[in-house]
C-alpha atoms as a PDB file:
ATOM      1  CA  MET A   1      29.490 -96.357  63.576  1.00  0.00           C
ATOM      2  CA  LEU A   2      27.793 -93.861  61.280  1.00  0.00           C
ATOM      3  CA  GLY A   3      29.758 -92.362  58.461  1.00  0.00           C
ATOM      4  CA  ARG A   4      28.778 -89.593  56.165  1.00  0.00           C
ATOM      5  CA  VAL A   5      25.212 -88.939  54.796  1.00  0.00           C
ATOM      6  CA  ASN A   6      25.013 -91.002  51.553  1.00  0.00           C
ATOM      7  CA  HIS A   7      21.710 -89.475  50.379  1.00  0.00           C
ATOM      8  CA  ILE A   8      18.442 -88.033  51.384  1.00  0.00           C
ATOM      9  CA  ALA A   9      15.450 -89.662  49.609  1.00  0.00           C
ATOM     10  CA  ILE A  10      12.413 -87.779  48.433  1.00  0.00           C
ATOM     11  CA  ALA A  11       9.326 -89.657  47.348  1.00  0.00           C
ATOM     12  CA  VAL A  12       7.698 -88.000  44.253  1.00  0.00           C
ATOM     13  CA  PRO A  13       4.527 -88.756  42.445  1.00  0.00           C
ATOM     14  CA  ASP A  14       5.962 -88.061  38.965  1.00  0.00           C
ATOM     15  CA  LEU A  15       9.669 -88.975  38.629  1.00  0.00           C
ATOM     16  CA  ALA A  16      10.045 -87.435  35.167  1.00  0.00           C
ATOM     17  CA  ALA A  17       8.723 -84.031  36.517  1.00  0.00           C
ATOM     18  CA  ALA A  18      10.900 -84.151  39.527  1.00  0.00           C
ATOM     19  CA  THR A  19      13.952 -84.993  37.560  1.00  0.00           C
ATOM     20  CA  ALA A  20      13.246 -82.120  35.165  1.00  0.00           C
ATOM     21  CA  SER A  21      12.809 -79.679  38.035  1.00  0.00           C
ATOM     22  CA  TYR A  22      16.142 -80.665  39.551  1.00  0.00           C
ATOM     23  CA  ARG A  23      17.947 -80.652  36.140  1.00  0.00           C
ATOM     24  CA  ASP A  24      16.469 -77.746  34.504  1.00  0.00           C
ATOM     25  CA  THR A  25      15.354 -75.392  37.241  1.00  0.00           C
ATOM     26  CA  LEU A  26      18.035 -76.121  39.855  1.00  0.00           C
ATOM     27  CA  GLY A  27      20.840 -76.868  37.271  1.00  0.00           C
ATOM     28  CA  ALA A  28      21.765 -80.216  38.975  1.00  0.00           C
ATOM     29  CA  THR A  29      23.341 -83.273  37.337  1.00  0.00           C
ATOM     30  CA  VAL A  30      20.940 -86.172  37.464  1.00  0.00           C
ATOM     31  CA  SER A  31      21.241 -89.833  36.748  1.00  0.00           C
ATOM     32  CA  ALA A  32      19.173 -91.923  34.341  1.00  0.00           C
ATOM     33  CA  PRO A  33      16.121 -93.590  36.069  1.00  0.00           C
ATOM     34  CA  GLN A  34      16.900 -96.990  37.582  1.00  0.00           C
ATOM     35  CA  ALA A  35      14.193 -99.647  38.316  1.00  0.00           C
ATOM     36  CA  LEU A  36      14.832-101.573  41.630  1.00  0.00           C
ATOM     37  CA  PRO A  37      12.045-104.204  41.606  1.00  0.00           C
ATOM     38  CA  GLU A  38      13.313-105.668  44.893  1.00  0.00           C
ATOM     39  CA  HIS A  39      12.674-102.463  46.554  1.00  0.00           C
ATOM     40  CA  GLY A  40       9.426-101.549  44.577  1.00  0.00           C
ATOM     41  CA  VAL A  41      10.872 -98.217  43.258  1.00  0.00           C
ATOM     42  CA  THR A  42      12.315 -96.393  40.359  1.00  0.00           C
ATOM     43  CA  VAL A  43      15.075 -93.882  41.381  1.00  0.00           C
ATOM     44  CA  VAL A  44      17.071 -91.039  39.979  1.00  0.00           C
ATOM     45  CA  PHE A  45      20.037 -89.606  41.843  1.00  0.00           C
ATOM     46  CA  VAL A  46      20.644 -85.864  41.962  1.00  0.00           C
ATOM     47  CA  GLU A  47      24.461 -85.418  42.236  1.00  0.00           C
ATOM     48  CA  LEU A  48      25.673 -82.824  44.689  1.00  0.00           C
ATOM     49  CA  PRO A  49      29.209 -81.933  45.691  1.00  0.00           C
ATOM     50  CA  ASN A  50      28.768 -83.183  49.241  1.00  0.00           C
ATOM     51  CA  THR A  51      25.883 -85.859  48.857  1.00  0.00           C
ATOM     52  CA  LYS A  52      23.109 -87.139  46.726  1.00  0.00           C
ATOM     53  CA  ILE A  53      19.265 -86.610  46.599  1.00  0.00           C
ATOM     54  CA  GLU A  54      17.480 -89.787  45.754  1.00  0.00           C
ATOM     55  CA  LEU A  55      14.189 -89.222  43.982  1.00  0.00           C
ATOM     56  CA  LEU A  56      11.804 -92.200  44.498  1.00  0.00           C
ATOM     57  CA  GLU A  57       8.744 -93.176  42.431  1.00  0.00           C
ATOM     58  CA  PRO A  58       6.596 -96.335  43.133  1.00  0.00           C
ATOM     59  CA  LEU A  59       7.252 -99.320  40.969  1.00  0.00           C
ATOM     60  CA  GLY A  60       4.026-101.085  41.193  1.00  0.00           C
ATOM     61  CA  GLN A  61       1.173-100.733  43.555  1.00  0.00           C
ATOM     62  CA  ALA A  62       2.729-102.941  46.222  1.00  0.00           C
ATOM     63  CA  SER A  63       5.527-100.371  46.497  1.00  0.00           C
ATOM     64  CA  PRO A  64       6.090 -98.885  49.955  1.00  0.00           C
ATOM     65  CA  ILE A  65       6.494 -95.534  48.100  1.00  0.00           C
ATOM     66  CA  ALA A  66       2.807 -95.929  46.778  1.00  0.00           C
ATOM     67  CA  SER A  67       1.465 -96.080  50.345  1.00  0.00           C
ATOM     68  CA  PHE A  68       3.727 -93.128  51.358  1.00  0.00           C
ATOM     69  CA  LEU A  69       2.340 -91.058  48.540  1.00  0.00           C
ATOM     70  CA  GLU A  70      -1.289 -91.847  49.350  1.00  0.00           C
ATOM     71  CA  LYS A  71      -0.632 -90.137  52.660  1.00  0.00           C
ATOM     72  CA  ASN A  72       1.478 -87.371  51.105  1.00  0.00           C
ATOM     73  CA  PRO A  73       0.249 -86.920  47.568  1.00  0.00           C
ATOM     74  CA  ALA A  74       2.607 -84.096  46.704  1.00  0.00           C
ATOM     75  CA  GLY A  75       5.633 -86.170  47.907  1.00  0.00           C
ATOM     76  CA  GLY A  76       8.141 -85.405  50.576  1.00  0.00           C
ATOM     77  CA  MET A  77      11.124 -86.556  52.299  1.00  0.00           C
ATOM     78  CA  HIS A  78      11.139 -90.397  52.690  1.00  0.00           C
ATOM     79  CA  HIS A  79      14.415 -91.342  54.491  1.00  0.00           C
ATOM     80  CA  ILE A  80      17.944 -90.417  55.074  1.00  0.00           C
ATOM     81  CA  CYS A  81      20.834 -92.882  54.247  1.00  0.00           C
ATOM     82  CA  TYR A  82      23.980 -93.079  56.381  1.00  0.00           C
ATOM     83  CA  GLU A  83      27.024 -94.971  55.369  1.00  0.00           C
ATOM     84  CA  VAL A  84      28.547 -97.732  57.634  1.00  0.00           C
ATOM     85  CA  ALA A  85      31.721 -99.669  57.265  1.00  0.00           C
ATOM     86  CA  ASP A  86      30.207-103.030  58.298  1.00  0.00           C
ATOM     87  CA  ILE A  87      26.470-103.311  57.790  1.00  0.00           C
ATOM     88  CA  LEU A  88      26.285-106.639  59.805  1.00  0.00           C
ATOM     89  CA  ALA A  89      28.106-105.259  62.720  1.00  0.00           C
ATOM     90  CA  ALA A  90      25.944-102.153  62.668  1.00  0.00           C
ATOM     91  CA  ARG A  91      22.742-104.246  62.469  1.00  0.00           C
ATOM     92  CA  ASP A  92      23.920-106.392  65.325  1.00  0.00           C
ATOM     93  CA  HIS A  93      24.796-103.391  67.536  1.00  0.00           C
ATOM     94  CA  LEU A  94      21.474-101.743  66.717  1.00  0.00           C
ATOM     95  CA  GLN A  95      19.438-104.703  67.478  1.00  0.00           C
ATOM     96  CA  LYS A  96      21.197-105.312  70.865  1.00  0.00           C
ATOM     97  CA  SER A  97      20.453-101.704  71.601  1.00  0.00           C
ATOM     98  CA  GLY A  98      16.699-102.186  70.852  1.00  0.00           C
ATOM     99  CA  ALA A  99      16.409-100.711  67.380  1.00  0.00           C
ATOM    100  CA  ARG A 100      14.181-102.567  64.887  1.00  0.00           C
ATOM    101  CA  VAL A 101      15.556-103.558  61.584  1.00  0.00           C
ATOM    102  CA  LEU A 102      12.775-103.662  58.884  1.00  0.00           C
ATOM    103  CA  GLY A 103      12.143-106.780  56.809  1.00  0.00           C
ATOM    104  CA  SER A 104      14.078-109.991  57.426  1.00  0.00           C
ATOM    105  CA  GLY A 105      16.967-108.238  58.945  1.00  0.00           C
ATOM    106  CA  GLU A 106      19.155-109.401  56.161  1.00  0.00           C
ATOM    107  CA  PRO A 107      20.697-106.749  53.929  1.00  0.00           C
ATOM    108  CA  LYS A 108      19.421-106.269  50.388  1.00  0.00           C
ATOM    109  CA  THR A 109      21.298-104.875  47.459  1.00  0.00           C
ATOM    110  CA  GLY A 110      20.704-101.172  47.123  1.00  0.00           C
ATOM    111  CA  ALA A 111      20.680 -98.750  44.152  1.00  0.00           C
ATOM    112  CA  HIS A 112      24.540 -98.466  44.318  1.00  0.00           C
ATOM    113  CA  GLY A 113      25.035-102.256  44.332  1.00  0.00           C
ATOM    114  CA  LYS A 114      25.847-102.315  47.988  1.00  0.00           C
ATOM    115  CA  PRO A 115      24.224-103.864  51.014  1.00  0.00           C
ATOM    116  CA  VAL A 116      21.448-101.729  52.672  1.00  0.00           C
ATOM    117  CA  LEU A 117      19.121-102.059  55.600  1.00  0.00           C
ATOM    118  CA  PHE A 118      16.303 -99.935  56.811  1.00  0.00           C
ATOM    119  CA  LEU A 119      15.506 -99.088  60.467  1.00  0.00           C
ATOM    120  CA  HIS A 120      12.116 -98.531  61.962  1.00  0.00           C
ATOM    121  CA  PRO A 121      11.154 -94.778  61.997  1.00  0.00           C
ATOM    122  CA  LYS A 122       9.663 -94.921  65.414  1.00  0.00           C
ATOM    123  CA  ASP A 123      13.065 -95.819  66.801  1.00  0.00           C
ATOM    124  CA  PHE A 124      14.704 -92.630  65.254  1.00  0.00           C
ATOM    125  CA  PHE A 125      12.199 -89.846  65.999  1.00  0.00           C
ATOM    126  CA  GLY A 126       9.924 -90.345  63.070  1.00  0.00           C
ATOM    127  CA  THR A 127      12.663 -90.632  60.432  1.00  0.00           C
ATOM    128  CA  LEU A 128      13.111 -93.830  58.357  1.00  0.00           C
ATOM    129  CA  VAL A 129      16.800 -94.595  58.299  1.00  0.00           C
ATOM    130  CA  GLU A 130      18.694 -96.444  55.679  1.00  0.00           C
ATOM    131  CA  LEU A 131      22.197 -97.875  56.249  1.00  0.00           C
ATOM    132  CA  GLU A 132      24.529 -98.517  53.416  1.00  0.00           C
ATOM    133  CA  GLN A 133      27.758-100.382  53.598  1.00  0.00           C
ATOM    134  CA  VAL A 134      30.666 -98.677  51.856  1.00  0.00           C
END
């Protein structure tokens, strides 16, 4: 069911500083910031040869990233995103297996314009998992 790792997301308290660090210190290619109001975040993607790093900053106080940063003020790994061929089939399989899909269970449009779902971290050893249909 799982394809390749699409990205690893890191929550950051200052997106501009994190972007500059990846670009200027590590020499990475980074995208322009993209606001995603439906998800409550602003994101920047760090392009790597084999995957991407997604830097996340809260977009408003209701953002799930804001609460994450309250507990982890310096930031930290937020989630890992895996690719799937059919997100609805993956969701149905996971729910039948006892995994919890966060939210309504209906996919939302993610940063890449593709359907995404998030899975409860308690079902995956403390790691928030995002699935993205490719």
